[in-house]
Amino acid sequence: MNNHHPTLAPSSLCAIMQCACFESHSDPDRDADTGTTIHTYLAAKAAGLPVDSMGLEDDVIEACDDVYNQAMAFIKDNCPDHPVEVEKELFLKDDHGGIVTFGTADIFTRGNDFVLVLDWKGCLDFDASTKDYHEQLHAYALAGMREHGAKRALCIEAYVMPRKIKPYWVTYNETAATVEYCIQRRSDPSRYPQPCDYCKWCSNLLRCPAVNKRMKMVNAVFADLPHQIAVPEDITNPKDMAVALTFARSTAKKYIAGVQKVIDRIEDAAMAMSDQNVEIPYHVRVIESGRKTVSDLGQAFLLSELTNTEFYSALTCSLPKLATAYAKKSGLKTNIARKEIEGKLNSVIIVGEAKTVLERVSKEVPFAKA
């Protein structure tokens, strides 16, 4: 029996481990579009095809090339005798030949007694320490091991922006247990939804009872709109606090973003109707002034008749944008240009006061060479 998309895709297994009711949606956003372009760029590069910028920023291309070189060197070191397959479609079948799930490994190859699977991750927030995709990689690895009769696999999570690869070994039994547990969670008739790190990508977000309950809905008429986000201040159990913190960061923020998308679509639809000369009751078209910006700072300084100190104290400087401009002028890579320009400006750079924050971490398994 085919239990695949959208309920049991390998890319959904990480979410299913946190919420058995998760269902993926395909509503793209800017990060998703960038991630897709990164995958396309790296797939072409791995296949030996001509590549161009594909609209990616220079620093992203640098990161892609860097992590690609790391990954390929690692693969060559561990799997020197087998060809590398790009965008390898893997089918995970049960003992009767039925398809349990299937997916595409970005890179697939083999060693003497193991298979290797790699998945590119954009990691646009630069924080690989909080990422963990082992369930997805387990599904690819299990499919590959069953296809080639191997009993272990080498998985690589390759994080582009932080330029880091995370390799680890898994056994056949470990991957089988992961996939079987996800299947059990997904098929459990008594499963119930719960806030998790993947709410942003769930098609049920705006109608999820677990989320809406915590949002304290205004009333039955506006059942899909949040009234307030209230996290009890008297939580004393650390585990309960972890759940509350996850909800605040990974659910509430994403829920509000989802509602904002609905608002934007309503605004766009209303304007489109008005553009067709259709009168919308209680609303009139008005011209709203555009945001003012200064195109020439040098000329603006001369026209302002302010002193250097008076004028420049009113401005702010973006170090990342300055580094990009410096890299373009000097021909340096962006990360090197950033270090050099910050070194030049060190005497005028003010570092804000440090503060303590809570960061999400994942447990990394140290890699040991075969």
Protein backbone atom coordinates (compact mmCIF):
# COMPACT_ATOMS: atom_id res chain seq x y z
CA MET A 1 0.00 0.00 0.00
CA ASN A 2 1.36 3.39 -0.95
CA ASN A 3 1.29 5.64 2.12
CA HIS A 4 3.42 8.37 0.58
CA HIS A 5 2.95 12.07 -0.05
CA PRO A 6 1.90 14.19 1.65
CA THR A 7 1.48 12.12 4.80
CA LEU A 8 4.71 10.13 4.98
CA ALA A 9 7.32 11.87 2.84
CA PRO A 10 10.90 11.52 4.15
CA SER A 11 11.11 15.29 4.52
CA SER A 12 8.02 15.16 6.78
CA LEU A 13 9.34 12.52 9.17
CA CYS A 14 11.18 15.08 11.34
CA ALA A 15 7.87 16.91 11.83
CA ILE A 16 5.87 13.71 12.40
CA MET A 17 8.22 12.82 15.26
CA GLN A 18 7.10 16.04 16.97
CA CYS A 19 3.47 16.13 15.82
CA ALA A 20 1.83 13.03 14.38
CA CYS A 21 -0.82 15.16 12.68
CA PHE A 22 1.62 17.22 10.60
CA GLU A 23 0.73 17.65 6.93
CA SER A 24 3.11 19.52 4.67
CA HIS A 25 1.97 22.40 2.50
CA SER A 26 3.59 23.79 -0.64
CA ASP A 27 3.00 27.48 0.00
CA PRO A 28 6.39 29.00 -0.85
CA ASP A 29 8.05 31.85 0.99
CA ARG A 30 11.26 33.75 0.37
CA ASP A 31 13.42 31.34 2.38
CA ALA A 32 11.84 28.32 0.68
CA ASP A 33 12.47 29.86 -2.75
CA THR A 34 16.10 30.57 -1.85
CA GLY A 35 16.50 27.03 -0.51
CA THR A 36 15.12 25.59 -3.75
CA THR A 37 17.50 27.71 -5.81
CA ILE A 38 20.43 26.58 -3.64
CA HIS A 39 19.48 22.95 -4.26
CA THR A 40 19.23 23.59 -7.99
CA TYR A 41 22.64 25.27 -8.04
CA LEU A 42 24.32 22.46 -6.09
CA ALA A 43 22.61 19.73 -8.12
CA ALA A 44 23.90 21.27 -11.35
CA LYS A 45 27.37 21.65 -9.87
CA ALA A 46 27.43 18.03 -8.65
CA ALA A 47 26.26 16.81 -12.05
CA GLY A 48 29.04 18.71 -13.79
CA LEU A 49 26.64 21.01 -15.60
CA PRO A 50 27.29 24.70 -16.33
CA VAL A 51 26.12 26.88 -13.44
CA ASP A 52 25.43 30.58 -13.11
CA SER A 53 24.35 32.70 -10.16
CA MET A 54 20.68 31.76 -10.62
CA GLY A 55 19.87 35.01 -8.83
CA LEU A 56 21.72 34.01 -5.64
CA GLU A 57 23.73 36.62 -3.74
CA ASP A 58 27.53 36.40 -3.94
CA ASP A 59 27.89 35.33 -0.33
CA VAL A 60 25.38 32.51 -0.86
CA ILE A 61 27.26 31.27 -3.92
CA GLU A 62 30.52 31.39 -1.95
CA ALA A 63 28.92 29.33 0.81
CA CYS A 64 27.51 26.85 -1.72
CA ASP A 65 30.91 26.37 -3.35
CA ASP A 66 32.65 26.03 0.00
CA VAL A 67 30.33 23.41 1.49
CA TYR A 68 30.22 21.59 -1.85
CA ASN A 69 34.01 21.28 -1.88
CA GLN A 70 34.00 20.06 1.72
CA ALA A 71 31.33 17.46 1.00
CA MET A 72 32.92 16.16 -2.19
CA ALA A 73 36.34 15.87 -0.55
CA PHE A 74 34.77 13.96 2.32
CA ILE A 75 32.88 11.63 -0.05
CA LYS A 76 35.99 10.99 -2.14
CA ASP A 77 37.93 10.15 1.02
CA ASN A 78 35.30 7.67 2.24
CA CYS A 79 33.87 6.31 -1.03
CA PRO A 80 36.70 6.43 -3.58
CA ASP A 81 35.65 3.44 -5.68
CA HIS A 82 32.01 4.16 -6.55
CA PRO A 83 30.38 6.82 -8.75
CA VAL A 84 28.43 9.66 -7.19
CA GLU A 85 24.75 9.80 -8.17
CA VAL A 86 23.00 13.18 -8.11
CA GLU A 87 19.29 13.55 -7.30
CA LYS A 88 18.94 9.82 -6.71
CA GLU A 89 15.32 8.73 -6.35
CA LEU A 90 15.01 6.13 -3.61
CA PHE A 91 11.98 3.94 -3.02
CA LEU A 92 11.50 2.38 0.40
CA LYS A 93 9.51 -0.82 -0.07
CA ASP A 94 8.15 -3.31 2.44
CA ASP A 95 8.84 -7.05 2.31
CA HIS A 96 5.93 -7.52 -0.10
CA GLY A 97 7.13 -4.90 -2.58
CA GLY A 98 4.66 -2.22 -1.52
CA ILE A 99 5.97 1.35 -1.48
CA VAL A 100 6.15 2.73 2.03
CA THR A 101 7.60 6.06 0.96
CA PHE A 102 10.02 7.50 -1.56
CA GLY A 103 12.18 10.56 -1.91
CA THR A 104 15.22 12.04 -3.59
CA ALA A 105 18.65 12.00 -2.00
CA ASP A 106 20.68 14.98 -3.18
CA ILE A 107 23.81 12.80 -3.30
CA PHE A 108 23.99 9.00 -3.19
CA THR A 109 26.97 6.67 -3.44
CA ARG A 110 28.42 3.57 -1.79
CA GLY A 111 31.44 2.29 0.06
CA ASN A 112 32.57 -1.32 0.23
CA ASP A 113 29.91 -2.36 2.72
CA PHE A 114 27.75 0.73 3.23
CA VAL A 115 25.72 3.36 1.39
CA LEU A 116 26.12 7.12 1.64
CA VAL A 117 23.34 9.69 1.45
CA LEU A 118 23.72 13.46 1.57
CA ASP A 119 21.13 16.20 1.77
CA TRP A 120 21.86 19.90 1.19
CA LYS A 121 20.33 22.26 3.76
CA GLY A 122 20.32 26.01 3.16
CA CYS A 123 20.39 26.86 6.89
CA LEU A 124 19.76 30.51 6.10
CA ASP A 125 19.86 31.46 9.78
CA PHE A 126 23.49 30.23 9.92
CA ASP A 127 22.70 28.10 13.00
CA ALA A 128 23.37 24.44 12.25
CA SER A 129 23.54 23.61 15.97
CA THR A 130 19.75 23.81 16.24
CA LYS A 131 19.08 21.67 13.16
CA ASP A 132 18.52 17.92 13.09
CA TYR A 133 17.24 16.05 10.04
CA HIS A 134 18.23 12.54 11.01
CA GLU A 135 14.74 11.11 10.46
CA GLN A 136 14.75 12.27 6.83
CA LEU A 137 18.27 10.93 6.25
CA HIS A 138 17.31 7.65 7.98
CA ALA A 139 14.55 7.11 5.42
CA TYR A 140 16.94 7.67 2.50
CA ALA A 141 19.58 5.48 4.14
CA LEU A 142 17.14 2.63 4.82
CA ALA A 143 15.90 2.69 1.22
CA GLY A 144 19.48 2.62 -0.04
CA MET A 145 20.52 -0.19 2.32
CA ARG A 146 17.55 -2.32 1.31
CA GLU A 147 18.32 -1.75 -2.35
CA HIS A 148 21.99 -2.71 -2.04
CA GLY A 149 21.88 -5.21 0.83
CA ALA A 150 23.98 -3.05 3.16
CA LYS A 151 23.70 -3.02 6.95
CA ARG A 152 24.99 0.45 7.66
CA ALA A 153 24.98 3.89 6.10
CA LEU A 154 26.92 7.13 6.25
CA CYS A 155 24.60 10.14 6.40
CA ILE A 156 25.66 13.72 5.72
CA GLU A 157 23.64 16.80 6.57
CA ALA A 158 25.39 19.55 4.57
CA TYR A 159 24.55 23.05 5.87
CA VAL A 160 25.27 25.71 3.25
CA MET A 161 25.33 29.13 4.93
CA PRO A 162 27.36 28.10 8.01
CA ARG A 163 29.53 26.06 5.59
CA LYS A 164 29.42 22.95 7.70
CA ILE A 165 28.89 19.26 7.02
CA LYS A 166 27.58 16.93 9.70
CA PRO A 167 28.41 13.27 8.94
CA TYR A 168 27.31 10.34 11.10
CA TRP A 169 26.95 6.57 10.89
CA VAL A 170 23.66 4.69 11.25
CA THR A 171 22.81 1.02 11.23
CA TYR A 172 20.05 -0.77 9.38
CA ASN A 173 18.20 -1.46 12.64
CA GLU A 174 18.41 2.18 13.75
CA THR A 175 16.95 3.51 10.52
CA ALA A 176 14.25 0.82 10.41
CA ALA A 177 13.21 1.69 13.97
CA THR A 178 12.99 5.40 13.07
CA VAL A 179 10.81 4.82 10.00
CA GLU A 180 8.60 2.25 11.73
CA TYR A 181 8.03 4.58 14.67
CA CYS A 182 7.05 7.43 12.34
CA ILE A 183 4.62 5.12 10.55
CA GLN A 184 3.08 4.08 13.87
CA ARG A 185 2.70 7.70 14.97
CA ARG A 186 1.15 8.69 11.65
CA SER A 187 -1.32 5.79 11.59
CA ASP A 188 -2.31 5.97 15.26
CA PRO A 189 -6.10 6.64 15.29
CA SER A 190 -5.78 8.38 18.65
CA ARG A 191 -3.06 10.79 17.53
CA TYR A 192 -3.56 14.41 18.43
CA PRO A 193 -1.95 17.66 17.22
CA GLN A 194 0.58 19.57 19.29
CA PRO A 195 2.66 22.71 18.72
CA CYS A 196 6.10 21.94 17.33
CA ASP A 197 9.02 23.39 15.39
CA TYR A 198 7.35 22.57 12.06
CA CYS A 199 4.01 24.36 12.49
CA LYS A 200 5.13 26.95 9.91
CA TRP A 201 5.13 24.29 7.20
CA CYS A 202 1.89 22.56 8.22
CA SER A 203 -1.19 22.98 6.04
CA ASN A 204 -3.37 22.70 9.17
CA LEU A 205 -1.79 25.64 11.02
CA LEU A 206 -4.69 28.10 10.86
CA ARG A 207 -7.26 25.47 11.84
CA CYS A 208 -5.15 23.42 14.24
CA PRO A 209 -7.04 22.95 17.55
CA ALA A 210 -3.81 22.62 19.51
CA VAL A 211 -2.60 26.00 18.28
CA ASN A 212 -5.93 27.77 18.36
CA LYS A 213 -6.65 26.57 21.89
CA ARG A 214 -3.42 28.10 23.11
CA MET A 215 -4.20 31.26 21.22
CA LYS A 216 -7.43 31.71 23.26
CA MET A 217 -9.76 32.33 20.32
CA VAL A 218 -11.81 35.50 20.41
CA ASN A 219 -15.14 33.77 19.86
CA ALA A 220 -16.84 31.24 17.61
CA VAL A 221 -17.39 33.78 14.83
CA PHE A 222 -13.68 34.56 14.56
CA ALA A 223 -12.48 31.06 15.39
CA ASP A 224 -9.35 31.34 13.24
CA LEU A 225 -8.02 34.61 14.63
CA PRO A 226 -5.84 34.77 17.76
CA HIS A 227 -6.87 37.10 20.59
CA GLN A 228 -3.75 36.95 22.67
CA ILE A 229 -0.72 34.79 23.33
CA ALA A 230 -0.52 33.95 27.00
CA VAL A 231 2.27 31.82 28.43
CA PRO A 232 1.74 31.20 32.18
CA GLU A 233 4.38 32.88 34.32
CA ASP A 234 4.05 30.29 37.07
CA ILE A 235 5.56 27.37 35.11
CA THR A 236 7.97 25.56 37.41
CA ASN A 237 8.60 22.34 35.46
CA PRO A 238 11.57 22.74 33.03
CA LYS A 239 9.98 20.35 30.53
CA ASP A 240 6.78 22.41 30.54
CA MET A 241 8.87 25.52 30.01
CA ALA A 242 10.58 23.90 27.01
CA VAL A 243 7.17 23.19 25.48
CA ALA A 244 6.02 26.76 26.16
CA LEU A 245 9.23 28.20 24.67
CA THR A 246 8.89 26.05 21.55
CA PHE A 247 5.27 27.16 21.20
CA ALA A 248 6.19 30.84 21.53
CA ARG A 249 9.00 30.70 18.98
CA SER A 250 7.98 28.03 16.50
CA THR A 251 4.21 28.20 16.61
CA ALA A 252 2.94 31.59 17.74
CA LYS A 253 5.29 33.55 15.48
CA LYS A 254 4.54 31.29 12.52
CA TYR A 255 0.80 31.47 13.22
CA ILE A 256 0.89 35.26 13.18
CA ALA A 257 2.91 35.16 9.96
CA GLY A 258 0.30 32.84 8.47
CA VAL A 259 -2.51 35.19 9.45
CA GLN A 260 -0.55 38.09 7.93
CA LYS A 261 -0.39 36.19 4.64
CA VAL A 262 -4.18 35.85 4.72
CA ILE A 263 -4.50 39.58 5.41
CA ASP A 264 -2.15 40.39 2.53
CA ARG A 265 -4.14 38.20 0.14
CA ILE A 266 -7.38 39.90 1.19
CA GLU A 267 -5.79 43.33 0.66
CA ASP A 268 -4.52 42.30 -2.79
CA ALA A 269 -7.87 40.80 -3.80
CA ALA A 270 -9.73 43.92 -2.68
CA MET A 271 -7.36 46.19 -4.61
CA ALA A 272 -7.70 43.99 -7.71
CA MET A 273 -11.49 44.33 -7.46
CA SER A 274 -11.18 48.09 -7.07
CA ASP A 275 -8.84 48.23 -10.07
CA GLN A 276 -11.76 46.87 -12.11
CA ASN A 277 -13.81 49.93 -11.09
CA VAL A 278 -15.91 47.87 -8.69
CA GLU A 279 -17.04 49.90 -5.70
CA ILE A 280 -16.39 48.24 -2.35
CA PRO A 281 -18.87 49.45 0.29
CA TYR A 282 -17.45 51.79 2.97
CA HIS A 283 -14.07 52.04 1.22
CA VAL A 284 -12.64 54.67 -1.13
CA ARG A 285 -9.42 54.78 -3.11
CA VAL A 286 -6.81 57.22 -1.81
CA ILE A 287 -3.19 57.94 -2.74
CA GLU A 288 -0.78 57.07 0.05
CA SER A 289 2.60 58.79 0.02
CA GLY A 290 5.54 56.54 -0.80
CA ARG A 291 8.43 55.93 1.60
CA LYS A 292 11.12 58.62 1.27
CA THR A 293 14.74 57.64 0.76
CA VAL A 294 17.89 59.59 -0.08
CA SER A 295 19.66 58.48 -3.27
CA ASP A 296 22.88 60.51 -2.92
CA LEU A 297 24.31 60.82 0.61
CA GLY A 298 27.16 63.08 -0.49
CA GLN A 299 24.84 65.61 -2.11
CA ALA A 300 22.45 65.32 0.82
CA PHE A 301 25.29 66.27 3.18
CA LEU A 302 26.10 69.38 1.14
CA LEU A 303 22.47 70.46 0.92
CA SER A 304 21.78 69.86 4.62
CA GLU A 305 24.34 72.50 5.72
CA LEU A 306 25.06 70.35 8.76
CA THR A 307 28.52 69.58 10.11
CA ASN A 308 30.09 66.17 9.54
CA THR A 309 29.31 65.09 13.09
CA GLU A 310 25.74 66.38 12.99
CA PHE A 311 24.98 64.72 9.65
CA TYR A 312 26.61 61.35 10.13
CA SER A 313 25.41 60.90 13.69
CA ALA A 314 21.90 60.74 12.24
CA LEU A 315 22.80 57.82 9.96
CA THR A 316 23.21 54.12 10.55
CA CYS A 317 25.63 51.85 8.70
CA SER A 318 24.88 48.24 7.73
CA LEU A 319 28.13 46.29 8.12
CA PRO A 320 26.90 43.37 5.94
CA LYS A 321 25.96 45.78 3.12
CA LEU A 322 29.23 47.66 3.56
CA ALA A 323 31.11 44.34 3.35
CA THR A 324 29.28 43.47 0.11
CA ALA A 325 30.24 46.82 -1.41
CA TYR A 326 33.84 46.41 -0.23
CA ALA A 327 34.01 42.88 -1.66
CA LYS A 328 32.78 44.15 -5.02
CA LYS A 329 35.38 46.90 -5.09
CA SER A 330 38.31 44.84 -3.79
CA GLY A 331 37.53 41.55 -5.52
CA LEU A 332 37.69 39.70 -2.19
CA LYS A 333 35.28 37.01 -1.11
CA THR A 334 32.46 38.44 0.99
CA ASN A 335 33.43 36.72 4.23
CA ILE A 336 37.05 37.88 3.87
CA ALA A 337 35.92 41.39 2.90
CA ARG A 338 33.70 41.50 6.00
CA LYS A 339 36.65 40.74 8.26
CA GLU A 340 38.91 43.24 6.48
CA ILE A 341 36.45 46.13 6.46
CA GLU A 342 35.56 45.54 10.11
CA GLY A 343 39.28 45.59 10.88
CA LYS A 344 39.63 48.94 9.12
CA LEU A 345 36.63 50.35 10.97
CA ASN A 346 37.42 48.80 14.33
CA SER A 347 38.03 52.16 16.01
CA VAL A 348 34.51 53.37 15.20
CA ILE A 349 32.59 50.12 15.65
CA ILE A 350 30.56 49.96 18.84
CA VAL A 351 29.69 46.49 20.14
CA GLY A 352 26.40 46.35 21.99
CA GLU A 353 26.07 44.98 25.47
CA ALA A 354 26.13 41.18 25.56
CA LYS A 355 23.03 39.43 26.84
CA THR A 356 22.15 35.91 27.85
CA VAL A 357 19.75 34.05 25.55
CA LEU A 358 18.43 30.51 25.26
CA GLU A 359 19.38 28.71 22.06
CA ARG A 360 17.97 25.46 20.79
CA VAL A 361 20.61 22.75 20.36
CA SER A 362 20.62 19.30 18.84
CA LYS A 363 22.68 16.33 19.92
CA GLU A 364 25.45 15.72 17.40
CA VAL A 365 26.94 12.27 16.94
CA PRO A 366 30.73 12.47 16.49
CA PHE A 367 31.84 11.03 13.15
CA ALA A 368 34.32 8.16 13.20
CA LYS A 369 36.05 7.11 9.98
CA ALA A 370 35.23 3.60 8.76
